[in-house]
N, C-alpha and C. Protein backbone atom coordinates (compact mmCIF):
# COMPACT_ATOMS: atom_id res chain seq x y z
N MET A 1 23.98 4.23 5.83
CA MET A 1 23.29 4.33 4.58
C MET A 1 22.68 5.56 3.97
N ALA A 2 22.82 6.02 2.64
CA ALA A 2 21.81 6.69 1.58
C ALA A 2 20.72 6.74 2.05
N GLU A 3 19.46 8.20 2.56
CA GLU A 3 18.08 7.92 2.49
C GLU A 3 17.90 8.00 1.12
N ARG A 4 16.71 7.17 0.73
CA ARG A 4 16.00 6.53 0.10
C ARG A 4 14.86 7.15 -0.31
N ASN A 5 14.46 7.68 -1.46
CA ASN A 5 13.20 8.58 -1.71
C ASN A 5 12.30 6.84 -1.49
N ILE A 6 11.21 6.69 -1.21
CA ILE A 6 10.07 5.28 -1.39
C ILE A 6 9.05 5.65 -1.21
N HIS A 7 8.15 6.00 -2.50
CA HIS A 7 7.01 5.72 -2.82
C HIS A 7 5.87 4.42 -3.14
N LEU A 8 4.89 4.91 -2.87
CA LEU A 8 4.30 3.73 -2.61
C LEU A 8 3.04 4.03 -3.03
N LYS A 9 2.33 2.96 -3.23
CA LYS A 9 1.26 2.96 -3.90
C LYS A 9 -0.04 2.31 -2.68
N LEU A 10 -0.54 3.05 -3.32
CA LEU A 10 -1.69 2.14 -2.29
C LEU A 10 -3.33 1.63 -2.84
N TYR A 11 -3.69 1.41 -3.40
CA TYR A 11 -4.53 1.04 -4.35
C TYR A 11 -5.42 0.39 -2.98
N THR A 12 -6.93 1.18 -3.16
CA THR A 12 -8.20 1.02 -2.37
C THR A 12 -9.74 1.36 -3.41
N GLN A 13 -10.59 1.21 -2.82
CA GLN A 13 -12.07 1.63 -2.77
C GLN A 13 -12.44 1.79 -1.97
N PRO A 14 -13.70 2.78 -2.20
CA PRO A 14 -14.28 3.07 -1.79
C PRO A 14 -15.50 2.38 -0.55
N ASN A 15 -15.56 2.64 0.07
CA ASN A 15 -16.39 1.58 1.48
C ASN A 15 -15.52 0.67 1.62
N CYS A 16 -13.91 0.72 1.71
CA CYS A 16 -12.95 -0.58 2.40
C CYS A 16 -13.46 -0.58 3.79
N GLY A 17 -13.55 -1.09 4.85
CA GLY A 17 -12.67 -1.51 6.09
C GLY A 17 -11.07 -1.06 6.51
N LEU A 18 -10.71 -2.41 5.40
CA LEU A 18 -9.66 -2.99 5.30
C LEU A 18 -9.41 -2.07 4.39
N CYS A 19 -9.52 -0.94 3.56
CA CYS A 19 -8.18 0.33 2.99
C CYS A 19 -8.55 0.80 3.98
N GLU A 20 -9.28 2.32 4.78
CA GLU A 20 -9.26 2.62 5.78
C GLU A 20 -8.28 2.26 7.10
N ASP A 21 -8.14 0.64 7.33
CA ASP A 21 -7.27 0.20 8.03
C ASP A 21 -6.23 0.79 7.81
N ALA A 22 -5.92 -0.26 6.44
CA ALA A 22 -4.50 0.00 5.95
C ALA A 22 -3.61 1.76 6.09
N LYS A 23 -4.67 2.48 5.76
CA LYS A 23 -4.32 3.65 6.33
C LYS A 23 -3.74 4.58 6.96
N ARG A 24 -4.38 3.57 8.73
CA ARG A 24 -3.86 3.45 9.45
C ARG A 24 -2.97 3.47 10.44
N GLN A 25 -2.22 1.51 10.04
CA GLN A 25 -1.31 0.98 9.72
C GLN A 25 0.38 2.06 9.23
N LEU A 26 -0.43 3.20 8.10
CA LEU A 26 0.89 3.38 7.45
C LEU A 26 1.10 4.20 8.62
N ALA A 27 0.01 4.28 9.65
CA ALA A 27 0.84 5.91 10.37
C ALA A 27 1.99 5.27 11.58
N PHE A 28 1.96 4.54 11.82
CA PHE A 28 3.00 3.22 12.12
C PHE A 28 4.24 2.95 11.10
N VAL A 29 4.15 3.16 10.32
CA VAL A 29 5.47 2.55 9.64
C VAL A 29 6.89 3.43 10.23
N ASP A 30 8.07 2.84 10.30
CA ASP A 30 8.65 3.45 10.61
C ASP A 30 10.14 4.34 9.52
N GLY A 31 10.82 5.00 9.17
CA GLY A 31 11.46 5.66 8.44
C GLY A 31 10.25 6.55 7.12
N SER A 32 11.00 7.32 6.72
CA SER A 32 10.93 8.32 6.39
C SER A 32 10.16 7.44 4.28
N PHE A 33 9.31 7.91 4.26
CA PHE A 33 8.68 7.21 3.25
C PHE A 33 7.54 8.51 2.32
N THR A 34 6.90 8.24 1.16
CA THR A 34 5.54 8.79 1.03
C THR A 34 4.80 7.93 0.40
N TYR A 35 3.28 7.85 0.45
CA TYR A 35 1.84 6.82 -0.55
C TYR A 35 1.57 7.78 -1.66
N GLU A 36 1.03 7.30 -2.68
CA GLU A 36 0.04 7.99 -3.01
C GLU A 36 -1.44 6.56 -2.49
N GLU A 37 -2.64 7.45 -2.73
CA GLU A 37 -3.83 6.08 -2.83
C GLU A 37 -4.69 6.70 -4.16
N ILE A 38 -4.64 5.48 -4.90
CA ILE A 38 -5.27 5.49 -5.52
C ILE A 38 -6.49 4.87 -5.82
N ASP A 39 -7.79 4.69 -6.19
CA ASP A 39 -8.97 4.14 -5.98
C ASP A 39 -9.38 2.70 -7.42
N ILE A 40 -9.20 2.72 -7.22
CA ILE A 40 -9.11 1.26 -8.42
C ILE A 40 -10.26 1.63 -9.41
N THR A 41 -10.92 2.10 -8.94
CA THR A 41 -13.17 2.36 -9.66
C THR A 41 -12.49 3.11 -10.80
N GLN A 42 -11.65 4.06 -10.46
CA GLN A 42 -11.75 4.69 -11.72
C GLN A 42 -11.23 4.35 -13.03
N ASP A 43 -10.35 3.33 -12.64
CA ASP A 43 -9.38 2.18 -14.19
C ASP A 43 -9.88 1.34 -14.13
N ASP A 44 -10.36 1.44 -14.86
CA ASP A 44 -11.19 -0.26 -15.28
C ASP A 44 -10.10 -1.71 -15.43
N GLU A 45 -8.53 -1.01 -15.18
CA GLU A 45 -7.79 -1.74 -16.08
C GLU A 45 -7.08 -2.41 -14.64
N LEU A 46 -7.03 -1.22 -13.32
CA LEU A 46 -7.25 -1.01 -12.23
C LEU A 46 -8.27 -1.96 -11.83
N LEU A 47 -9.46 -1.96 -11.27
CA LEU A 47 -10.33 -2.58 -11.53
C LEU A 47 -9.97 -4.02 -10.92
N MET A 48 -10.39 -4.38 -12.95
CA MET A 48 -9.93 -6.20 -13.22
C MET A 48 -8.99 -6.45 -12.55
N THR A 49 -7.42 -6.04 -12.04
CA THR A 49 -6.11 -6.05 -11.59
C THR A 49 -7.19 -6.48 -9.52
N TYR A 50 -6.93 -5.06 -9.82
CA TYR A 50 -7.22 -5.14 -7.92
C TYR A 50 -9.06 -5.41 -7.15
N GLN A 51 -9.41 -5.66 -7.75
CA GLN A 51 -11.16 -6.11 -6.90
C GLN A 51 -10.92 -6.39 -5.95
N LEU A 52 -10.55 -7.79 -6.25
CA LEU A 52 -10.62 -8.89 -5.05
C LEU A 52 -9.28 -8.74 -4.12
N ARG A 53 -8.43 -7.63 -4.41
CA ARG A 53 -7.51 -7.47 -3.52
C ARG A 53 -7.19 -6.70 -2.82
N VAL A 54 -7.94 -5.75 -2.81
CA VAL A 54 -7.45 -4.14 -2.26
C VAL A 54 -7.76 -4.44 -0.47
N PRO A 55 -6.79 -3.81 -0.09
CA PRO A 55 -6.57 -3.24 0.04
C PRO A 55 -4.82 -3.29 -0.66
N VAL A 56 -4.12 -2.65 -1.60
CA VAL A 56 -2.54 -3.69 -1.89
C VAL A 56 -2.01 -2.00 -2.31
N LEU A 57 -1.05 -2.56 -1.83
CA LEU A 57 0.01 -2.11 -1.01
C LEU A 57 2.18 -2.09 -2.10
N VAL A 58 2.30 -1.55 -3.26
CA VAL A 58 3.38 -1.43 -4.37
C VAL A 58 4.07 -0.30 -3.53
N TYR A 59 5.70 -1.38 -4.66
CA TYR A 59 6.29 0.03 -4.24
C TYR A 59 7.89 -0.94 -5.89
N GLN A 60 7.29 0.18 -5.80
CA GLN A 60 7.88 0.26 -7.46
C GLN A 60 6.26 -1.11 -8.21
N ASP A 61 6.92 -2.07 -8.64
CA ASP A 61 6.13 -3.61 -9.84
C ASP A 61 6.39 -4.18 -8.47
N GLN A 62 6.73 -4.23 -7.16
CA GLN A 62 6.36 -5.56 -6.21
C GLN A 62 5.56 -4.27 -4.89
N VAL A 63 4.73 -6.38 -5.51
CA VAL A 63 3.72 -6.07 -4.23
C VAL A 63 3.85 -6.43 -2.53
N ILE A 64 4.49 -4.96 -1.73
CA ILE A 64 4.66 -5.39 0.08
C ILE A 64 3.72 -6.37 0.61
N GLN A 65 2.54 -5.41 0.25
CA GLN A 65 1.56 -6.39 1.17
C GLN A 65 0.19 -6.05 0.47
N GLU A 66 -1.12 -7.00 0.46
CA GLU A 66 -2.25 -6.97 0.25
C GLU A 66 -3.18 -7.47 0.99
N GLY A 67 -4.34 -6.71 1.07
CA GLY A 67 -5.50 -7.50 2.44
C GLY A 67 -5.31 -6.73 3.82
N HIS A 68 -4.87 -7.63 4.39
CA HIS A 68 -4.20 -6.68 5.52
C HIS A 68 -3.21 -6.20 5.77
N ILE A 69 -3.30 -5.02 5.61
CA ILE A 69 -1.38 -4.61 5.59
C ILE A 69 -1.89 -4.37 7.33
N ASP A 70 -0.55 -4.49 8.00
CA ASP A 70 -0.07 -4.46 9.38
C ASP A 70 1.40 -3.60 8.65
N PHE A 71 1.63 -2.89 10.52
CA PHE A 71 2.57 -1.40 10.18
C PHE A 71 3.88 -3.17 10.24
N ILE A 72 4.04 -4.22 10.62
CA ILE A 72 4.57 -3.98 10.98
C ILE A 72 5.78 -6.01 10.06
N THR A 73 5.04 -6.19 9.14
CA THR A 73 5.47 -6.27 7.98
C THR A 73 5.28 -5.50 6.89
N VAL A 74 5.21 -4.29 6.48
CA VAL A 74 4.91 -3.06 6.16
C VAL A 74 6.32 -3.18 5.97
N ASN A 75 7.01 -3.03 7.90
CA ASN A 75 8.34 -2.84 7.66
C ASN A 75 9.45 -3.16 7.23
N ASP A 76 9.30 -4.62 8.01
CA ASP A 76 10.22 -6.12 8.16
C ASP A 76 10.24 -5.52 5.94
N ASN A 77 9.05 -5.13 5.02
CA ASN A 77 9.27 -5.08 3.94
C ASN A 77 9.86 -3.82 3.47
N LEU A 78 9.79 -2.71 3.65
CA LEU A 78 10.68 -1.58 3.42
C LEU A 78 11.74 -2.01 3.83
N ALA A 79 12.57 -2.42 4.68
CA ALA A 79 14.05 -3.05 5.62
C ALA A 79 14.88 -3.63 4.37
N GLN A 80 14.24 -4.07 3.77
CA GLN A 80 14.84 -5.31 2.71
C GLN A 80 15.29 -4.24 1.75
N LEU A 81 14.88 -3.51 1.38
CA LEU A 81 14.41 -2.17 -0.14
C LEU A 81 15.84 -2.29 0.01
């Protein structure tokens, strides 16, 4: 299988315990990927969309997982891409 360039977006907000846990969980995900953390409080549209859902992990426009992020579910979802 060819290497894929998987780039994820992790939508977060300050003082969010689940967001901090999500970043720790991503350290256990198998395979090669990158992610960027996006603070939803810096963009009104993102704040309206994700305020009650963070953390939200997205690949392209597909939500991989939201709320409680766990590396097992992320692994399973990334394997299906």
